[in-house]
Amino acid sequence: MGWLWNEIHEMFDTDDGTFPEICICNLSAAEVINGYLLIRRHTDFLIGNPSFFNLEAGCEMRIDNVENPAKMVCENTARPFHFMVRNLHFADGCLNELGVFILDNAIALDYQKGPLWGELQIETLLVLINKLKNDSHAFIKLEDAVSLSDQQRLESVLKKLKDEELNF
């Protein structure tokens, strides 16, 4: 395994029953909307029948019943929602399963730790996060239980990956 695995694998490879969340915060409405579309465009299929609450209609709706429910969240005509994707192909890798939470100013990703997280899968997720951050004023927020050193390590790895992309 390479540098990426050595620096960050502990945050991914041991299934401890948790579903850690990585939140990309301080996104503009356009970044949330485009991020949702990016994830959907690169995903083979959704798990279950995800829905959201449409405030204008006053009812739950399936996310595929409207053009872009993330846009509705950003316009405050829908509540934030969560959905699960399977086989998200991005960069040169594929993520088995990933949870996505859409808010009006953030996109949070949650994942199950375990042996499916090899170096390529970790890199794929981190490249996706960098893409969602989109060189904006966005920042990463991890759950309160995550140590400051792990937060700093993740930020460092994200920056190193971004720098490598720029050098290619």
C-alpha atoms as a PDB file:
ATOM      1  CA  MET A   1       0.000   0.000   0.000  1.00  0.00           C
ATOM      2  CA  GLY A   2       1.070   3.562  -0.630  1.00  0.00           C
ATOM      3  CA  TRP A   3       1.279   6.785   1.342  1.00  0.00           C
ATOM      4  CA  LEU A   4      -2.487   7.311   1.417  1.00  0.00           C
ATOM      5  CA  TRP A   5      -3.155   3.956   3.068  1.00  0.00           C
ATOM      6  CA  ASN A   6      -0.372   4.497   5.577  1.00  0.00           C
ATOM      7  CA  GLU A   7      -1.641   7.934   6.568  1.00  0.00           C
ATOM      8  CA  ILE A   8      -5.385   7.403   6.877  1.00  0.00           C
ATOM      9  CA  HIS A   9      -6.525   3.760   6.774  1.00  0.00           C
ATOM     10  CA  GLU A  10      -7.370   3.625  10.502  1.00  0.00           C
ATOM     11  CA  MET A  11     -10.338   5.904   9.841  1.00  0.00           C
ATOM     12  CA  PHE A  12     -11.821   3.355   7.407  1.00  0.00           C
ATOM     13  CA  ASP A  13     -10.665  -0.249   7.631  1.00  0.00           C
ATOM     14  CA  THR A  14     -11.880  -1.577  11.004  1.00  0.00           C
ATOM     15  CA  ASP A  15     -15.609  -2.219  11.300  1.00  0.00           C
ATOM     16  CA  ASP A  16     -16.488  -0.953  14.776  1.00  0.00           C
ATOM     17  CA  GLY A  17     -20.218  -0.700  14.074  1.00  0.00           C
ATOM     18  CA  THR A  18     -20.156   3.053  13.508  1.00  0.00           C
ATOM     19  CA  PHE A  19     -21.143   5.034  10.432  1.00  0.00           C
ATOM     20  CA  PRO A  20     -18.810   8.046  10.532  1.00  0.00           C
ATOM     21  CA  GLU A  21     -19.905  11.214   8.799  1.00  0.00           C
ATOM     22  CA  ILE A  22     -17.751  13.617   6.826  1.00  0.00           C
ATOM     23  CA  CYS A  23     -19.601  16.879   6.304  1.00  0.00           C
ATOM     24  CA  ILE A  24     -18.583  19.347   3.618  1.00  0.00           C
ATOM     25  CA  CYS A  25     -19.891  22.576   5.148  1.00  0.00           C
ATOM     26  CA  ASN A  26     -20.329  26.164   3.974  1.00  0.00           C
ATOM     27  CA  LEU A  27     -21.337  25.253   0.431  1.00  0.00           C
ATOM     28  CA  SER A  28     -23.323  27.639  -1.727  1.00  0.00           C
ATOM     29  CA  ALA A  29     -26.730  26.560  -3.007  1.00  0.00           C
ATOM     30  CA  ALA A  30     -25.204  26.008  -6.458  1.00  0.00           C
ATOM     31  CA  GLU A  31     -22.485  23.788  -4.962  1.00  0.00           C
ATOM     32  CA  VAL A  32     -25.058  21.677  -3.089  1.00  0.00           C
ATOM     33  CA  ILE A  33     -27.215  21.332  -6.211  1.00  0.00           C
ATOM     34  CA  ASN A  34     -24.248  20.469  -8.430  1.00  0.00           C
ATOM     35  CA  GLY A  35     -22.829  18.120  -5.804  1.00  0.00           C
ATOM     36  CA  TYR A  36     -26.116  16.214  -5.679  1.00  0.00           C
ATOM     37  CA  LEU A  37     -26.140  15.941  -9.477  1.00  0.00           C
ATOM     38  CA  LEU A  38     -22.504  14.798  -9.510  1.00  0.00           C
ATOM     39  CA  ILE A  39     -23.211  12.018  -7.016  1.00  0.00           C
ATOM     40  CA  ARG A  40     -26.327  10.892  -8.855  1.00  0.00           C
ATOM     41  CA  ARG A  41     -24.562  10.944 -12.247  1.00  0.00           C
ATOM     42  CA  HIS A  42     -21.800   8.635 -10.970  1.00  0.00           C
ATOM     43  CA  THR A  43     -24.023   6.212  -9.051  1.00  0.00           C
ATOM     44  CA  ASP A  44     -25.310   2.918 -10.466  1.00  0.00           C
ATOM     45  CA  PHE A  45     -28.372   2.834  -8.232  1.00  0.00           C
ATOM     46  CA  LEU A  46     -30.042   4.005  -5.057  1.00  0.00           C
ATOM     47  CA  ILE A  47     -30.635   1.747  -2.077  1.00  0.00           C
ATOM     48  CA  GLY A  48     -34.307   1.449  -1.190  1.00  0.00           C
ATOM     49  CA  ASN A  49     -36.805   4.092  -2.179  1.00  0.00           C
ATOM     50  CA  PRO A  50     -35.352   7.316  -0.765  1.00  0.00           C
ATOM     51  CA  SER A  51     -37.707  10.190  -0.231  1.00  0.00           C
ATOM     52  CA  PHE A  52     -37.809  13.760   1.009  1.00  0.00           C
ATOM     53  CA  PHE A  53     -40.522  15.952   2.486  1.00  0.00           C
ATOM     54  CA  ASN A  54     -41.882  18.447  -0.018  1.00  0.00           C
ATOM     55  CA  LEU A  55     -43.021  21.433   2.057  1.00  0.00           C
ATOM     56  CA  GLU A  56     -45.115  22.916  -0.752  1.00  0.00           C
ATOM     57  CA  ALA A  57     -47.036  19.689  -1.367  1.00  0.00           C
ATOM     58  CA  GLY A  58     -47.070  18.823   2.340  1.00  0.00           C
ATOM     59  CA  CYS A  59     -46.043  15.223   1.774  1.00  0.00           C
ATOM     60  CA  GLU A  60     -43.195  12.757   1.318  1.00  0.00           C
ATOM     61  CA  MET A  61     -42.021  12.274  -2.271  1.00  0.00           C
ATOM     62  CA  ARG A  62     -39.490   9.933  -3.824  1.00  0.00           C
ATOM     63  CA  ILE A  63     -36.328  11.787  -4.802  1.00  0.00           C
ATOM     64  CA  ASP A  64     -36.684  10.559  -8.386  1.00  0.00           C
ATOM     65  CA  ASN A  65     -40.158  12.134  -8.691  1.00  0.00           C
ATOM     66  CA  VAL A  66     -38.686  15.620  -9.060  1.00  0.00           C
ATOM     67  CA  GLU A  67     -35.898  16.951 -11.226  1.00  0.00           C
ATOM     68  CA  ASN A  68     -33.604  17.974  -8.376  1.00  0.00           C
ATOM     69  CA  PRO A  69     -34.720  17.692  -4.748  1.00  0.00           C
ATOM     70  CA  ALA A  70     -31.434  19.282  -3.625  1.00  0.00           C
ATOM     71  CA  LYS A  71     -32.503  22.475  -5.400  1.00  0.00           C
ATOM     72  CA  MET A  72     -35.772  22.362  -3.458  1.00  0.00           C
ATOM     73  CA  VAL A  73     -33.846  22.013  -0.182  1.00  0.00           C
ATOM     74  CA  CYS A  74     -31.745  25.053  -1.088  1.00  0.00           C
ATOM     75  CA  GLU A  75     -34.923  26.999  -1.953  1.00  0.00           C
ATOM     76  CA  ASN A  76     -36.470  25.991   1.405  1.00  0.00           C
ATOM     77  CA  THR A  77     -39.341  24.186  -0.327  1.00  0.00           C
ATOM     78  CA  ALA A  78     -38.159  20.775   0.914  1.00  0.00           C
ATOM     79  CA  ARG A  79     -36.600  19.439   4.073  1.00  0.00           C
ATOM     80  CA  PRO A  80     -33.027  18.118   4.086  1.00  0.00           C
ATOM     81  CA  PHE A  81     -32.881  14.437   3.207  1.00  0.00           C
ATOM     82  CA  HIS A  82     -30.636  11.375   3.351  1.00  0.00           C
ATOM     83  CA  PHE A  83     -30.217   8.632   0.786  1.00  0.00           C
ATOM     84  CA  MET A  84     -27.878   5.712   0.195  1.00  0.00           C
ATOM     85  CA  VAL A  85     -26.066   4.990  -3.063  1.00  0.00           C
ATOM     86  CA  ARG A  86     -24.407   1.822  -4.260  1.00  0.00           C
ATOM     87  CA  ASN A  87     -21.551   1.512  -6.752  1.00  0.00           C
ATOM     88  CA  LEU A  88     -20.562   5.149  -6.984  1.00  0.00           C
ATOM     89  CA  HIS A  89     -17.920   5.264  -9.733  1.00  0.00           C
ATOM     90  CA  PHE A  90     -15.662   8.285  -9.431  1.00  0.00           C
ATOM     91  CA  ALA A  91     -12.124   9.038 -10.533  1.00  0.00           C
ATOM     92  CA  ASP A  92     -10.580   5.571 -11.010  1.00  0.00           C
ATOM     93  CA  GLY A  93     -12.454   3.808  -8.235  1.00  0.00           C
ATOM     94  CA  CYS A  94     -15.813   2.625  -7.024  1.00  0.00           C
ATOM     95  CA  LEU A  95     -17.461   2.965  -3.622  1.00  0.00           C
ATOM     96  CA  ASN A  96     -19.634   0.033  -2.592  1.00  0.00           C
ATOM     97  CA  GLU A  97     -22.097   2.018  -0.457  1.00  0.00           C
ATOM     98  CA  LEU A  98     -22.212   5.592   0.686  1.00  0.00           C
ATOM     99  CA  GLY A  99     -24.805   7.616   2.574  1.00  0.00           C
ATOM    100  CA  VAL A 100     -25.492  11.150   1.377  1.00  0.00           C
ATOM    101  CA  PHE A 101     -27.250  13.819   3.428  1.00  0.00           C
ATOM    102  CA  ILE A 102     -28.335  16.943   1.534  1.00  0.00           C
ATOM    103  CA  LEU A 103     -28.709  20.193   3.477  1.00  0.00           C
ATOM    104  CA  ASP A 104     -29.134  23.736   2.189  1.00  0.00           C
ATOM    105  CA  ASN A 105     -25.459  24.610   2.812  1.00  0.00           C
ATOM    106  CA  ALA A 106     -23.708  21.242   3.163  1.00  0.00           C
ATOM    107  CA  ILE A 107     -23.385  17.699   1.891  1.00  0.00           C
ATOM    108  CA  ALA A 108     -22.578  15.064   4.484  1.00  0.00           C
ATOM    109  CA  LEU A 109     -21.276  11.628   3.539  1.00  0.00           C
ATOM    110  CA  ASP A 110     -21.486   8.640   5.850  1.00  0.00           C
ATOM    111  CA  TYR A 111     -19.928   5.231   5.419  1.00  0.00           C
ATOM    112  CA  GLN A 112     -19.608   1.905   7.163  1.00  0.00           C
ATOM    113  CA  LYS A 113     -16.083   1.103   8.233  1.00  0.00           C
ATOM    114  CA  GLY A 114     -14.702  -2.277   7.287  1.00  0.00           C
ATOM    115  CA  PRO A 115     -12.573  -4.418   4.985  1.00  0.00           C
ATOM    116  CA  LEU A 116     -14.159  -3.074   1.782  1.00  0.00           C
ATOM    117  CA  TRP A 117     -12.172   0.118   2.282  1.00  0.00           C
ATOM    118  CA  GLY A 118      -8.903  -0.400   0.463  1.00  0.00           C
ATOM    119  CA  GLU A 119      -6.580   2.339  -0.662  1.00  0.00           C
ATOM    120  CA  LEU A 120      -8.397   2.870  -3.982  1.00  0.00           C
ATOM    121  CA  GLN A 121     -11.780   3.193  -2.248  1.00  0.00           C
ATOM    122  CA  ILE A 122     -10.407   5.670   0.297  1.00  0.00           C
ATOM    123  CA  GLU A 123      -8.771   7.681  -2.470  1.00  0.00           C
ATOM    124  CA  THR A 124     -12.018   7.664  -4.469  1.00  0.00           C
ATOM    125  CA  LEU A 125     -13.962   9.043  -1.501  1.00  0.00           C
ATOM    126  CA  LEU A 126     -11.368  11.713  -0.769  1.00  0.00           C
ATOM    127  CA  VAL A 127     -11.169  12.817  -4.417  1.00  0.00           C
ATOM    128  CA  LEU A 128     -14.978  13.092  -4.388  1.00  0.00           C
ATOM    129  CA  ILE A 129     -14.815  15.214  -1.227  1.00  0.00           C
ATOM    130  CA  ASN A 130     -12.245  17.511  -2.830  1.00  0.00           C
ATOM    131  CA  LYS A 131     -14.491  17.830  -5.880  1.00  0.00           C
ATOM    132  CA  LEU A 132     -17.488  18.700  -3.707  1.00  0.00           C
ATOM    133  CA  LYS A 133     -15.410  21.307  -1.855  1.00  0.00           C
ATOM    134  CA  ASN A 134     -14.764  22.811  -5.284  1.00  0.00           C
ATOM    135  CA  ASP A 135     -11.984  25.167  -4.156  1.00  0.00           C
ATOM    136  CA  SER A 136     -14.585  27.258  -2.358  1.00  0.00           C
ATOM    137  CA  HIS A 137     -14.711  28.416   1.230  1.00  0.00           C
ATOM    138  CA  ALA A 138     -16.082  25.019   2.188  1.00  0.00           C
ATOM    139  CA  PHE A 139     -14.592  23.158   5.107  1.00  0.00           C
ATOM    140  CA  ILE A 140     -14.744  19.625   6.491  1.00  0.00           C
ATOM    141  CA  LYS A 141     -16.444  18.880   9.792  1.00  0.00           C
ATOM    142  CA  LEU A 142     -16.240  15.478  11.417  1.00  0.00           C
ATOM    143  CA  GLU A 143     -18.294  14.142  14.300  1.00  0.00           C
ATOM    144  CA  ASP A 144     -17.415  15.387  17.768  1.00  0.00           C
ATOM    145  CA  ALA A 145     -16.068  11.949  18.742  1.00  0.00           C
ATOM    146  CA  VAL A 146     -13.293  12.240  16.139  1.00  0.00           C
ATOM    147  CA  SER A 147     -10.043  13.443  17.640  1.00  0.00           C
ATOM    148  CA  LEU A 148      -8.465  16.707  16.587  1.00  0.00           C
ATOM    149  CA  SER A 149      -5.408  14.784  15.340  1.00  0.00           C
ATOM    150  CA  ASP A 150      -7.619  12.622  13.061  1.00  0.00           C
ATOM    151  CA  GLN A 151      -9.362  15.757  11.777  1.00  0.00           C
ATOM    152  CA  GLN A 152      -6.000  17.360  11.011  1.00  0.00           C
ATOM    153  CA  ARG A 153      -4.734  14.152   9.410  1.00  0.00           C
ATOM    154  CA  LEU A 154      -7.763  14.012   7.102  1.00  0.00           C
ATOM    155  CA  GLU A 155      -7.340  17.676   6.148  1.00  0.00           C
ATOM    156  CA  SER A 156      -3.663  17.045   5.414  1.00  0.00           C
ATOM    157  CA  VAL A 157      -4.421  14.038   3.207  1.00  0.00           C
ATOM    158  CA  LEU A 158      -7.131  15.955   1.324  1.00  0.00           C
ATOM    159  CA  LYS A 159      -4.674  18.781   0.656  1.00  0.00           C
ATOM    160  CA  LYS A 160      -1.947  16.374  -0.465  1.00  0.00           C
ATOM    161  CA  LEU A 161      -4.372  14.653  -2.875  1.00  0.00           C
ATOM    162  CA  LYS A 162      -5.492  18.033  -4.244  1.00  0.00           C
ATOM    163  CA  ASP A 163      -1.861  19.073  -4.763  1.00  0.00           C
ATOM    164  CA  GLU A 164      -1.154  15.816  -6.599  1.00  0.00           C
ATOM    165  CA  GLU A 165      -4.144  16.397  -8.897  1.00  0.00           C
ATOM    166  CA  LEU A 166      -2.876  19.873  -9.719  1.00  0.00           C
ATOM    167  CA  ASN A 167       0.555  18.507 -10.605  1.00  0.00           C
ATOM    168  CA  PHE A 168      -0.812  16.061 -13.190  1.00  0.00           C
END
